[in-house]
Amino acid sequence: MGLALVHGRARAGVHAPAVTVEVHLGGGLPSMSIVGLPEAAVREAKDRVRAAIQCAQFEFPARRITVNLAPADLPKCGGRFDLPIALGILAASGQIPREPLAGCEFLGELGLAGELRPVDGVLPAALAAARAGRRLVVAEANGPEAALAAGLDACTARTLLEVCALLDGRKQLPPAVAPPQRAVERPDMRDVRGQAQARRALEIAAAGGHHLLLSGPPGCGKTLLATRLPGLLPEASEAEALETAAVASVGGRGLDPACWRERPFRAPHHTASAIALAGGGGDPRPGEISLAHNGVLFLDELPEWDRRALEVLREPLESGVVTISRAARQVEFPARFQMVAAMNPCPCGWAGDMSGRCRCTTDQIERYRARISGPLLDRIDLHVEVPRLPPSELRPDAPPGECSASIRARVEAARAIQHRRGGRLNARLSQPATAEACRLQSADQALLERAVESLSLSARSVHRILRVARTIADLAGSDAIATTHLSEALGYRQPCGHDRKAA
């Protein structure tokens, strides 16, 4: 019977569902058809496969060839099925043995001369193949990425002929080898002069995973501070790093296996669209918020962003995932990121500055700040003003700030307390967990209630204040939230510079 089965993997978000490539050779006029929801690049595989088989000195069967990509209701895209289709045709026609195909999975696009080209989304496929207990064969350029999957038997090939030699038992292919890790030098907090309150807020944000808004005049150091946050975060665990690397693998921009353990820092331009932030497209790809998963997303000039683009952040900030729905399918990408936003206090940027140079009217300032919705601001835990530094702080001989390494040590100690308490960062505590971990004394509860009334805070804001206070207490090594911790947390909740102009 002219039937062969070959194992491959599709790409669906950050997952790699199994696909069985069934090849049947039947009677009738010579033809080749591919079924199973193939998109254009998959349908075009028949021409690439025919040329590759003939260039490899094999015979292309002059029969009716039917290729079924099962399951039939899963969309198939890209050139990743070229190699499995070619092997299925060769096995069904008896030119290579069928038995070795059962224990292997194959990924790769074929050139017309039979060379094996890399494809995207190899890491999710490698992790899935490791769980299935099968060997994975990929293109040579995909080898370092496939080697990141622990417990996987992966090998690389340059051509279709080499893969056939492996299945015939005539040749052993080289194993996939992960490259040595390359250290990425992060900007250091030592470069930040002054700004004691902003530095403190950055430390709290790193310790508890809180979102942060920096407001201040142009050139005061908002971007400088934001770029230092990744250097304060602890090293990502292997599970976190693999999750982040899997998103980068399917993102279309490629994954650098040499620095896959590094936390991402994404800083899209304020002209980016909602789709660029959340992800999308006919073949859904992750957006900036997913590419920042387990890392930092920096949004500069926050009021200059399109309102619709900013509103897509509201749900991922709460849930940590973004769901993209299309007519044919629904794809979910992880989006557990830390957001750092920066803005000027007014259109000219100088409202509240002691120089008195701001000439914006109250209406202009209100319209400028109203570009950011209240629900989005409500989801940001820490609101910090960054003032203009006096010239004496910028002197070359002025003392440098505290280095990132010493701050990171305190952050790691605070996070260790949180993990012992419940395994989750304070910013991600559920409502019952917040009530349990953030108990207040009666006097502090009364202080909180007075602040809620005077600042007109929402219930969400109250919970976020409690979580920030819990983080401050963890940094201090305190089991209970004290009045000083709560007072500091309340100070970070006041809107930055609202209803104030230069004197």
Protein backbone atom coordinates (compact mmCIF):
# COMPACT_ATOMS: atom_id res chain seq x y z
CA MET A 1 0.00 0.00 0.00
CA GLY A 2 1.41 3.40 -1.00
CA LEU A 3 0.76 5.14 2.35
CA ALA A 4 3.24 6.79 4.72
CA LEU A 5 2.89 8.82 7.92
CA VAL A 6 5.37 11.51 9.00
CA HIS A 7 5.23 13.62 12.17
CA GLY A 8 5.51 17.40 12.11
CA ARG A 9 4.41 20.44 14.11
CA ALA A 10 2.20 23.41 13.27
CA ARG A 11 2.41 26.85 14.88
CA ALA A 12 -0.54 28.19 16.89
CA GLY A 13 0.47 31.11 19.07
CA VAL A 14 3.26 29.92 21.35
CA HIS A 15 2.12 26.32 21.03
CA ALA A 16 3.16 23.69 18.49
CA PRO A 17 0.28 21.23 17.99
CA ALA A 18 1.18 17.88 16.46
CA VAL A 19 0.46 17.41 12.76
CA THR A 20 0.50 14.03 11.04
CA VAL A 21 1.48 14.27 7.38
CA GLU A 22 -0.30 11.42 5.58
CA VAL A 23 0.89 10.73 2.04
CA HIS A 24 -1.05 8.36 -0.24
CA LEU A 25 0.00 7.25 -3.72
CA GLY A 26 -2.95 6.15 -5.84
CA GLY A 27 -3.80 5.35 -9.42
CA GLY A 28 -4.88 7.87 -12.02
CA LEU A 29 -3.30 10.75 -13.87
CA PRO A 30 -0.14 12.13 -12.20
CA SER A 31 -1.09 14.96 -9.84
CA MET A 32 -0.44 16.20 -6.33
CA SER A 33 -2.94 17.76 -3.94
CA ILE A 34 -2.51 18.99 -0.35
CA VAL A 35 -5.53 19.03 1.96
CA GLY A 36 -6.03 19.95 5.63
CA LEU A 37 -6.48 23.75 5.67
CA PRO A 38 -3.18 24.64 3.98
CA GLU A 39 -2.50 28.31 3.28
CA ALA A 40 -0.75 29.55 0.14
CA ALA A 41 2.83 28.81 1.28
CA VAL A 42 1.85 25.23 2.18
CA ARG A 43 0.03 24.67 -1.11
CA GLU A 44 3.12 25.84 -2.97
CA ALA A 45 5.16 23.13 -1.21
CA LYS A 46 4.32 20.66 -4.00
CA ASP A 47 6.54 22.55 -6.46
CA ARG A 48 9.41 22.94 -3.98
CA VAL A 49 9.16 19.27 -2.95
CA ARG A 50 9.12 18.00 -6.54
CA ALA A 51 12.26 19.94 -7.46
CA ALA A 52 14.06 18.98 -4.21
CA ILE A 53 13.33 15.26 -4.66
CA GLN A 54 14.55 15.28 -8.25
CA CYS A 55 17.70 17.27 -7.42
CA ALA A 56 18.48 14.74 -4.67
CA GLN A 57 18.54 12.02 -7.39
CA PHE A 58 15.32 10.37 -6.19
CA GLU A 59 12.39 9.54 -8.40
CA PHE A 60 9.29 11.68 -8.10
CA PRO A 61 6.35 9.22 -8.43
CA ALA A 62 4.25 9.69 -11.56
CA ARG A 63 1.08 8.85 -9.66
CA ARG A 64 -1.84 10.60 -7.99
CA ILE A 65 -0.36 11.93 -4.74
CA THR A 66 -2.64 13.04 -1.91
CA VAL A 67 -1.11 14.75 1.11
CA ASN A 68 -3.34 15.15 4.18
CA LEU A 69 -2.22 17.39 7.04
CA ALA A 70 -4.14 16.11 10.04
CA PRO A 71 -6.00 17.34 12.02
CA ALA A 72 -7.90 18.85 9.13
CA ASP A 73 -9.45 21.74 11.11
CA LEU A 74 -6.07 23.19 12.23
CA PRO A 75 -4.77 25.97 9.92
CA LYS A 76 -1.33 25.21 8.45
CA CYS A 77 1.05 27.96 7.37
CA GLY A 78 4.62 28.48 6.23
CA GLY A 79 7.19 26.17 4.70
CA ARG A 80 7.69 24.03 7.82
CA PHE A 81 5.90 21.03 6.22
CA ASP A 82 8.15 20.78 3.14
CA LEU A 83 10.51 18.24 4.69
CA PRO A 84 7.78 15.97 6.16
CA ILE A 85 5.90 16.01 2.82
CA ALA A 86 9.04 15.08 0.88
CA LEU A 87 9.90 12.25 3.27
CA GLY A 88 6.31 11.00 3.13
CA ILE A 89 6.41 10.80 -0.67
CA LEU A 90 9.75 8.98 -0.62
CA ALA A 91 8.54 6.54 2.07
CA ALA A 92 5.20 5.88 0.34
CA SER A 93 7.03 5.11 -2.91
CA GLY A 94 9.44 2.73 -1.12
CA GLN A 95 12.60 4.78 -1.69
CA ILE A 96 13.33 5.17 2.04
CA PRO A 97 12.21 2.94 4.96
CA ARG A 98 9.02 3.85 6.80
CA GLU A 99 9.82 2.40 10.23
CA PRO A 100 12.31 5.08 11.40
CA LEU A 101 9.75 7.82 10.67
CA ALA A 102 7.61 6.80 13.65
CA GLY A 103 10.11 7.98 16.28
CA CYS A 104 11.04 11.29 14.67
CA GLU A 105 9.56 14.69 13.98
CA PHE A 106 10.70 16.87 11.09
CA LEU A 107 10.67 20.64 10.52
CA GLY A 108 12.15 22.49 7.60
CA GLU A 109 11.60 24.32 4.35
CA LEU A 110 13.17 22.90 1.20
CA GLY A 111 15.00 24.83 -1.47
CA LEU A 112 14.73 23.74 -5.08
CA ALA A 113 18.17 22.12 -4.89
CA GLY A 114 17.20 20.11 -1.80
CA GLU A 115 18.88 22.32 0.80
CA LEU A 116 17.15 22.59 4.17
CA ARG A 117 16.20 26.10 5.24
CA PRO A 118 15.31 27.33 8.75
CA VAL A 119 11.76 28.11 9.86
CA ASP A 120 10.38 30.13 12.76
CA GLY A 121 8.73 28.77 15.90
CA VAL A 122 11.25 25.95 16.38
CA LEU A 123 11.55 26.30 20.18
CA PRO A 124 7.85 25.57 20.91
CA ALA A 125 8.08 22.61 18.53
CA ALA A 126 11.24 21.37 20.27
CA LEU A 127 9.61 21.58 23.70
CA ALA A 128 6.57 19.68 22.42
CA ALA A 129 8.75 17.02 20.75
CA ALA A 130 10.65 16.53 24.01
CA ARG A 131 7.37 15.96 25.87
CA ALA A 132 6.29 13.49 23.18
CA GLY A 133 9.59 11.59 23.46
CA ARG A 134 10.45 11.85 19.76
CA ARG A 135 13.64 12.85 18.02
CA LEU A 136 13.58 16.19 16.18
CA VAL A 137 15.32 16.87 12.88
CA VAL A 138 15.70 20.53 11.88
CA ALA A 139 17.77 22.70 9.58
CA GLU A 140 21.32 23.45 10.63
CA ALA A 141 20.48 27.11 11.34
CA ASN A 142 17.67 26.06 13.72
CA GLY A 143 19.92 23.72 15.72
CA PRO A 144 21.00 26.18 18.47
CA GLU A 145 17.37 27.11 19.14
CA ALA A 146 16.18 23.49 19.24
CA ALA A 147 18.98 22.63 21.68
CA LEU A 148 17.44 24.91 24.31
CA ALA A 149 14.75 22.30 25.00
CA ALA A 150 15.97 20.12 27.87
CA GLY A 151 15.76 16.37 27.38
CA LEU A 152 15.33 16.58 23.61
CA ASP A 153 17.24 14.42 21.13
CA ALA A 154 17.66 16.92 18.30
CA CYS A 155 19.89 16.74 15.24
CA THR A 156 20.53 19.02 12.32
CA ALA A 157 20.75 18.47 8.58
CA ARG A 158 21.83 20.61 5.65
CA THR A 159 19.98 18.81 2.85
CA LEU A 160 17.13 16.40 2.14
CA LEU A 161 19.74 13.84 1.10
CA GLU A 162 21.33 13.91 4.58
CA VAL A 163 17.95 13.27 6.25
CA CYS A 164 17.33 10.31 3.92
CA ALA A 165 20.80 8.94 4.74
CA LEU A 166 19.91 9.15 8.45
CA LEU A 167 16.68 7.19 7.92
CA ASP A 168 18.53 4.60 5.80
CA GLY A 169 21.06 4.14 8.60
CA ARG A 170 23.94 5.22 6.36
CA LYS A 171 24.81 8.40 8.27
CA GLN A 172 24.53 9.96 11.71
CA LEU A 173 23.55 13.62 11.78
CA PRO A 174 25.31 16.07 14.14
CA PRO A 175 23.38 16.83 17.31
CA ALA A 176 21.93 20.27 17.92
CA VAL A 177 24.20 22.22 20.27
CA ALA A 178 23.21 25.28 22.27
CA PRO A 179 25.66 28.20 21.92
CA PRO A 180 27.53 29.57 24.95
CA GLN A 181 25.57 32.22 26.78
CA ARG A 182 26.56 35.78 26.05
CA ALA A 183 26.26 38.27 28.88
CA VAL A 184 24.23 41.35 28.02
CA GLU A 185 25.53 44.48 29.71
CA ARG A 186 22.65 46.35 31.30
CA PRO A 187 22.71 50.10 32.06
CA ASP A 188 23.62 50.69 35.71
CA MET A 189 21.81 52.78 38.31
CA ARG A 190 25.16 54.30 39.17
CA ASP A 191 24.64 56.64 36.22
CA VAL A 192 21.52 58.18 37.80
CA ARG A 193 22.32 61.32 39.76
CA GLY A 194 19.97 62.51 42.49
CA GLN A 195 16.28 61.62 42.00
CA ALA A 196 16.01 59.83 45.34
CA GLN A 197 12.22 59.38 45.15
CA ALA A 198 12.31 58.01 41.60
CA ARG A 199 15.14 55.62 42.50
CA ARG A 200 13.17 54.41 45.49
CA ALA A 201 10.05 53.90 43.34
CA LEU A 202 12.08 51.94 40.80
CA GLU A 203 13.35 49.64 43.57
CA ILE A 204 9.80 49.08 44.85
CA ALA A 205 8.57 48.38 41.31
CA ALA A 206 11.33 45.81 40.79
CA ALA A 207 10.71 44.13 44.14
CA GLY A 208 6.95 43.70 43.75
CA GLY A 209 6.46 43.65 39.98
CA HIS A 210 4.49 46.92 40.04
CA HIS A 211 3.72 49.22 37.10
CA LEU A 212 5.27 52.69 37.22
CA LEU A 213 4.48 56.12 35.76
CA LEU A 214 7.19 58.79 35.69
CA SER A 215 6.15 62.40 35.13
CA GLY A 216 8.52 65.31 34.72
CA PRO A 217 9.92 68.00 32.41
CA PRO A 218 12.04 67.16 29.35
CA GLY A 219 15.54 65.94 30.09
CA CYS A 220 14.99 65.20 33.78
CA GLY A 221 15.99 61.50 33.45
CA LYS A 222 12.73 59.61 32.94
CA THR A 223 14.08 57.45 30.10
CA LEU A 224 17.38 57.04 31.93
CA LEU A 225 15.53 55.63 34.93
CA ALA A 226 13.28 53.34 32.88
CA THR A 227 16.19 51.71 31.08
CA ARG A 228 17.74 50.81 34.45
CA LEU A 229 14.80 48.70 35.62
CA PRO A 230 15.85 45.44 33.85
CA GLY A 231 19.17 45.59 35.68
CA LEU A 232 17.34 45.54 39.03
CA LEU A 233 15.27 42.45 38.26
CA PRO A 234 16.46 39.02 39.40
CA GLU A 235 17.68 36.56 36.79
CA ALA A 236 14.78 34.80 35.08
CA SER A 237 14.15 31.19 36.04
CA GLU A 238 14.52 28.55 33.34
CA ALA A 239 10.74 28.24 32.98
CA GLU A 240 10.34 32.02 32.62
CA ALA A 241 13.21 32.25 30.15
CA LEU A 242 11.81 29.43 28.00
CA GLU A 243 8.39 31.09 27.98
CA THR A 244 9.90 34.37 26.86
CA ALA A 245 12.12 32.69 24.29
CA ALA A 246 9.13 30.80 22.86
CA VAL A 247 7.32 34.10 22.27
CA ALA A 248 10.40 35.54 20.54
CA SER A 249 10.70 32.38 18.46
CA VAL A 250 7.23 32.82 16.94
CA GLY A 251 7.46 36.62 16.79
CA GLY A 252 8.89 36.73 13.29
CA ARG A 253 11.98 38.67 14.38
CA GLY A 254 14.00 35.62 15.37
CA LEU A 255 15.48 34.41 18.65
CA ASP A 256 19.10 34.81 19.66
CA PRO A 257 19.87 31.54 21.53
CA ALA A 258 23.05 33.05 22.96
CA CYS A 259 21.13 35.40 25.27
CA TRP A 260 17.82 33.61 25.77
CA ARG A 261 18.07 33.91 29.57
CA GLU A 262 17.94 37.73 29.49
CA ARG A 263 14.72 39.50 30.43
CA PRO A 264 13.36 41.54 27.49
CA PHE A 265 13.14 45.31 27.41
CA ARG A 266 10.77 46.64 24.75
CA ALA A 267 10.43 50.34 23.97
CA PRO A 268 8.07 50.81 21.00
CA HIS A 269 7.65 54.26 19.44
CA HIS A 270 4.54 56.21 20.36
CA THR A 271 3.29 55.96 16.76
CA ALA A 272 2.83 52.18 17.14
CA SER A 273 -0.68 50.91 16.43
CA ALA A 274 -2.94 48.82 18.62
CA ILE A 275 -2.07 45.73 16.53
CA ALA A 276 1.65 46.42 16.96
CA LEU A 277 1.12 46.48 20.74
CA ALA A 278 -1.32 43.59 21.18
CA GLY A 279 -0.38 41.46 18.15
CA GLY A 280 -2.50 40.27 15.29
CA GLY A 281 -2.51 39.85 11.53
CA GLY A 282 -4.02 37.16 9.32
CA ASP A 283 -1.46 34.73 10.73
CA PRO A 284 -1.48 36.08 14.33
CA ARG A 285 1.90 37.13 15.68
CA PRO A 286 2.72 38.43 19.17
CA GLY A 287 2.85 42.17 19.71
CA GLU A 288 5.11 44.29 21.87
CA ILE A 289 3.29 43.46 25.11
CA SER A 290 3.88 39.73 24.52
CA LEU A 291 7.47 40.24 23.39
CA ALA A 292 7.96 41.98 26.76
CA HIS A 293 6.64 38.92 28.65
CA ASN A 294 8.57 38.44 31.93
CA GLY A 295 10.37 41.71 31.19
CA VAL A 296 9.77 45.44 30.88
CA LEU A 297 7.59 47.41 28.46
CA PHE A 298 8.56 51.09 28.32
CA LEU A 299 6.06 53.55 26.86
CA ASP A 300 7.61 56.99 26.45
CA GLU A 301 5.54 60.12 25.82
CA LEU A 302 2.40 58.37 27.08
CA PRO A 303 -0.13 61.13 26.17
CA GLU A 304 1.16 61.12 22.58
CA TRP A 305 0.07 57.52 22.05
CA ASP A 306 -3.13 56.83 20.15
CA ARG A 307 -5.97 56.40 22.64
CA ARG A 308 -7.14 53.13 21.02
CA ALA A 309 -3.63 51.69 21.22
CA LEU A 310 -3.37 52.44 24.94
CA GLU A 311 -6.77 50.95 25.71
CA VAL A 312 -5.66 47.50 24.53
CA LEU A 313 -3.31 47.45 27.53
CA ARG A 314 -6.09 47.47 30.10
CA GLU A 315 -7.00 43.77 30.02
CA PRO A 316 -3.44 42.37 29.70
CA LEU A 317 -2.33 44.52 32.65
CA GLU A 318 -4.84 42.62 34.79
CA SER A 319 -4.85 39.12 33.27
CA GLY A 320 -1.31 38.70 31.93
CA VAL A 321 -2.55 37.28 28.61
CA VAL A 322 -3.80 38.72 25.32
CA THR A 323 -6.30 36.85 23.15
CA ILE A 324 -6.45 37.47 19.40
CA SER A 325 -9.61 36.26 17.71
CA ARG A 326 -9.91 35.62 13.99
CA ALA A 327 -12.68 34.05 11.92
CA ALA A 328 -10.82 30.74 11.62
CA ARG A 329 -9.14 30.55 15.03
CA GLN A 330 -8.35 32.12 18.37
CA VAL A 331 -4.77 32.54 19.57
CA GLU A 332 -3.59 33.39 23.07
CA PHE A 333 -0.21 34.93 23.85
CA PRO A 334 1.28 35.47 27.33
CA ALA A 335 1.71 39.12 28.32
CA ARG A 336 2.89 39.24 31.94
CA PHE A 337 5.05 42.34 31.68
CA GLN A 338 6.03 45.27 33.87
CA MET A 339 5.00 48.57 32.37
CA VAL A 340 7.03 51.73 32.86
CA ALA A 341 5.47 54.84 31.31
CA ALA A 342 6.83 58.37 31.05
CA MET A 343 5.07 61.64 30.32
CA ASN A 344 5.49 65.39 30.50
CA PRO A 345 3.19 67.25 32.92
CA CYS A 346 1.80 69.51 30.15
CA PRO A 347 2.10 70.09 26.38
CA CYS A 348 5.21 72.28 26.74
CA GLY A 349 6.59 70.01 29.45
CA TRP A 350 7.33 72.60 32.12
CA ALA A 351 4.21 72.74 34.31
CA GLY A 352 5.22 72.81 37.97
CA ASP A 353 8.86 73.65 37.21
CA MET A 354 10.40 76.30 39.47
CA SER A 355 11.62 78.25 36.45
CA GLY A 356 8.05 79.36 35.73
CA ARG A 357 8.55 78.96 31.98
CA CYS A 358 5.24 77.08 31.43
CA ARG A 359 2.65 79.16 29.57
CA CYS A 360 0.04 76.39 29.06
CA THR A 361 -3.48 77.23 30.14
CA THR A 362 -5.39 75.08 32.60
CA ASP A 363 -7.64 73.84 29.78
CA GLN A 364 -4.65 72.87 27.66
CA ILE A 365 -3.13 70.92 30.54
CA GLU A 366 -6.39 69.12 31.29
CA ARG A 367 -6.90 68.20 27.62
CA TYR A 368 -3.33 66.93 27.45
CA ARG A 369 -3.70 64.71 30.51
CA ALA A 370 -7.17 63.55 29.45
CA ARG A 371 -5.55 61.72 26.53
CA ILE A 372 -4.79 58.97 29.06
CA SER A 373 -7.94 57.28 30.31
CA GLY A 374 -8.71 57.03 34.01
CA PRO A 375 -9.07 53.22 33.92
CA LEU A 376 -5.54 52.89 32.50
CA LEU A 377 -4.05 55.26 35.10
CA ASP A 378 -5.91 53.33 37.79
CA ARG A 379 -3.97 50.20 36.81
CA ILE A 380 -0.58 51.85 37.38
CA ASP A 381 0.59 51.27 40.95
CA LEU A 382 3.27 53.95 41.35
CA HIS A 383 2.91 57.58 40.18
CA VAL A 384 6.18 59.46 40.63
CA GLU A 385 7.25 63.01 39.83
CA VAL A 386 10.77 63.39 38.45
CA PRO A 387 11.91 67.02 38.95
CA ARG A 388 14.59 68.85 37.01
CA LEU A 389 17.98 68.38 38.66
CA PRO A 390 19.96 71.35 39.98
CA PRO A 391 23.25 71.96 38.13
CA SER A 392 25.28 70.91 41.17
CA GLU A 393 23.98 67.32 40.81
CA LEU A 394 25.35 67.13 37.25
CA ARG A 395 28.94 68.12 38.03
CA PRO A 396 31.52 65.53 36.84
CA ASP A 397 32.85 65.24 40.39
CA ALA A 398 29.39 64.74 41.94
CA PRO A 399 29.07 61.42 43.78
CA PRO A 400 27.59 58.61 41.65
CA GLY A 401 24.37 56.86 42.63
CA GLU A 402 24.07 53.44 44.22
CA CYS A 403 24.93 50.66 41.79
CA SER A 404 22.35 48.25 40.40
CA ALA A 405 23.98 45.19 41.98
CA SER A 406 23.38 46.35 45.57
CA ILE A 407 19.80 47.36 44.79
CA ARG A 408 19.19 44.03 43.06
CA ALA A 409 20.34 42.20 46.19
CA ARG A 410 17.58 43.93 48.20
CA VAL A 411 15.07 43.21 45.44
CA GLU A 412 15.97 39.51 45.46
CA ALA A 413 15.61 39.36 49.24
CA ALA A 414 12.15 40.96 49.06
CA ARG A 415 11.07 38.59 46.28
CA ALA A 416 12.27 35.62 48.31
CA ILE A 417 9.94 36.71 51.12
CA GLN A 418 7.04 36.90 48.65
CA HIS A 419 7.77 33.43 47.26
CA ARG A 420 7.87 31.95 50.75
CA ARG A 421 4.57 33.62 51.55
CA GLY A 422 2.63 32.40 48.54
CA GLY A 423 4.80 32.05 45.47
CA ARG A 424 3.43 35.13 43.69
CA LEU A 425 4.71 38.66 43.37
CA ASN A 426 2.77 41.23 45.36
CA ALA A 427 1.53 43.00 42.23
CA ARG A 428 -0.11 39.76 41.09
CA LEU A 429 -1.88 38.85 44.32
CA SER A 430 -5.54 37.96 44.00
CA GLN A 431 -8.12 39.82 46.05
CA PRO A 432 -8.35 37.10 48.77
CA ALA A 433 -4.55 36.83 48.89
CA THR A 434 -4.29 40.62 49.20
CA ALA A 435 -6.70 40.60 52.14
CA GLU A 436 -4.66 37.85 53.80
CA ALA A 437 -1.16 39.26 53.21
CA CYS A 438 -1.93 42.97 53.63
CA ARG A 439 -3.67 43.22 56.99
CA LEU A 440 -3.61 46.66 58.61
CA GLN A 441 -3.83 47.88 62.19
CA SER A 442 -7.05 49.73 63.01
CA ALA A 443 -5.32 53.13 62.99
CA ASP A 444 -3.75 52.41 59.60
CA GLN A 445 -7.10 51.21 58.25
CA ALA A 446 -8.62 54.53 59.28
CA LEU A 447 -5.75 56.38 57.56
CA LEU A 448 -6.36 54.43 54.37
CA GLU A 449 -10.10 55.16 54.44
CA ARG A 450 -9.46 58.90 54.90
CA ALA A 451 -7.07 58.85 51.95
CA VAL A 452 -9.63 57.02 49.81
CA GLU A 453 -12.21 59.69 50.57
CA SER A 454 -9.91 62.67 50.01
CA LEU A 455 -8.37 61.30 46.79
CA SER A 456 -11.61 59.69 45.48
CA LEU A 457 -9.85 56.39 44.93
CA SER A 458 -11.47 53.29 43.43
CA ALA A 459 -11.57 49.84 45.00
CA ARG A 460 -8.88 48.75 42.53
CA SER A 461 -6.67 51.60 43.75
CA VAL A 462 -7.13 50.51 47.36
CA HIS A 463 -5.97 46.99 46.56
CA ARG A 464 -2.97 48.31 44.65
CA ILE A 465 -2.02 50.62 47.52
CA LEU A 466 -2.09 47.65 49.89
CA ARG A 467 0.10 45.58 47.56
CA VAL A 468 2.63 48.40 47.24
CA ALA A 469 2.66 48.80 51.04
CA ARG A 470 3.26 45.06 51.35
CA THR A 471 6.24 45.35 48.98
CA ILE A 472 7.67 48.26 50.99
CA ALA A 473 7.33 46.17 54.14
CA ASP A 474 9.07 43.24 52.42
CA LEU A 475 11.98 45.50 51.43
CA ALA A 476 12.22 46.53 55.08
CA GLY A 477 12.08 42.89 56.21
CA SER A 478 8.91 43.54 58.21
CA ASP A 479 6.27 40.86 58.76
CA ALA A 480 3.50 43.44 59.18
CA ILE A 481 2.63 46.61 57.27
CA ALA A 482 3.50 49.59 59.46
CA THR A 483 2.18 53.14 59.25
CA THR A 484 5.34 54.33 57.48
CA HIS A 485 4.93 51.65 54.81
CA LEU A 486 1.29 52.57 54.18
CA SER A 487 2.04 56.30 54.15
CA GLU A 488 4.77 55.84 51.55
CA ALA A 489 2.45 53.72 49.40
CA LEU A 490 -0.24 56.41 49.59
CA GLY A 491 2.31 59.00 48.47
CA TYR A 492 2.92 57.06 45.27
CA ARG A 493 -0.80 56.98 44.49
CA GLN A 494 -1.35 60.72 44.22
CA PRO A 495 -1.67 61.95 40.61
CA CYS A 496 1.54 63.47 39.34
CA GLY A 497 1.34 67.24 39.35
CA HIS A 498 -2.38 67.47 38.67
CA ASP A 499 -4.02 70.86 39.02
CA ARG A 500 -0.64 72.53 39.48
CA LYS A 501 1.18 75.00 37.34
CA ALA A 502 4.40 76.86 37.72
CA ALA A 503 4.34 79.50 40.36
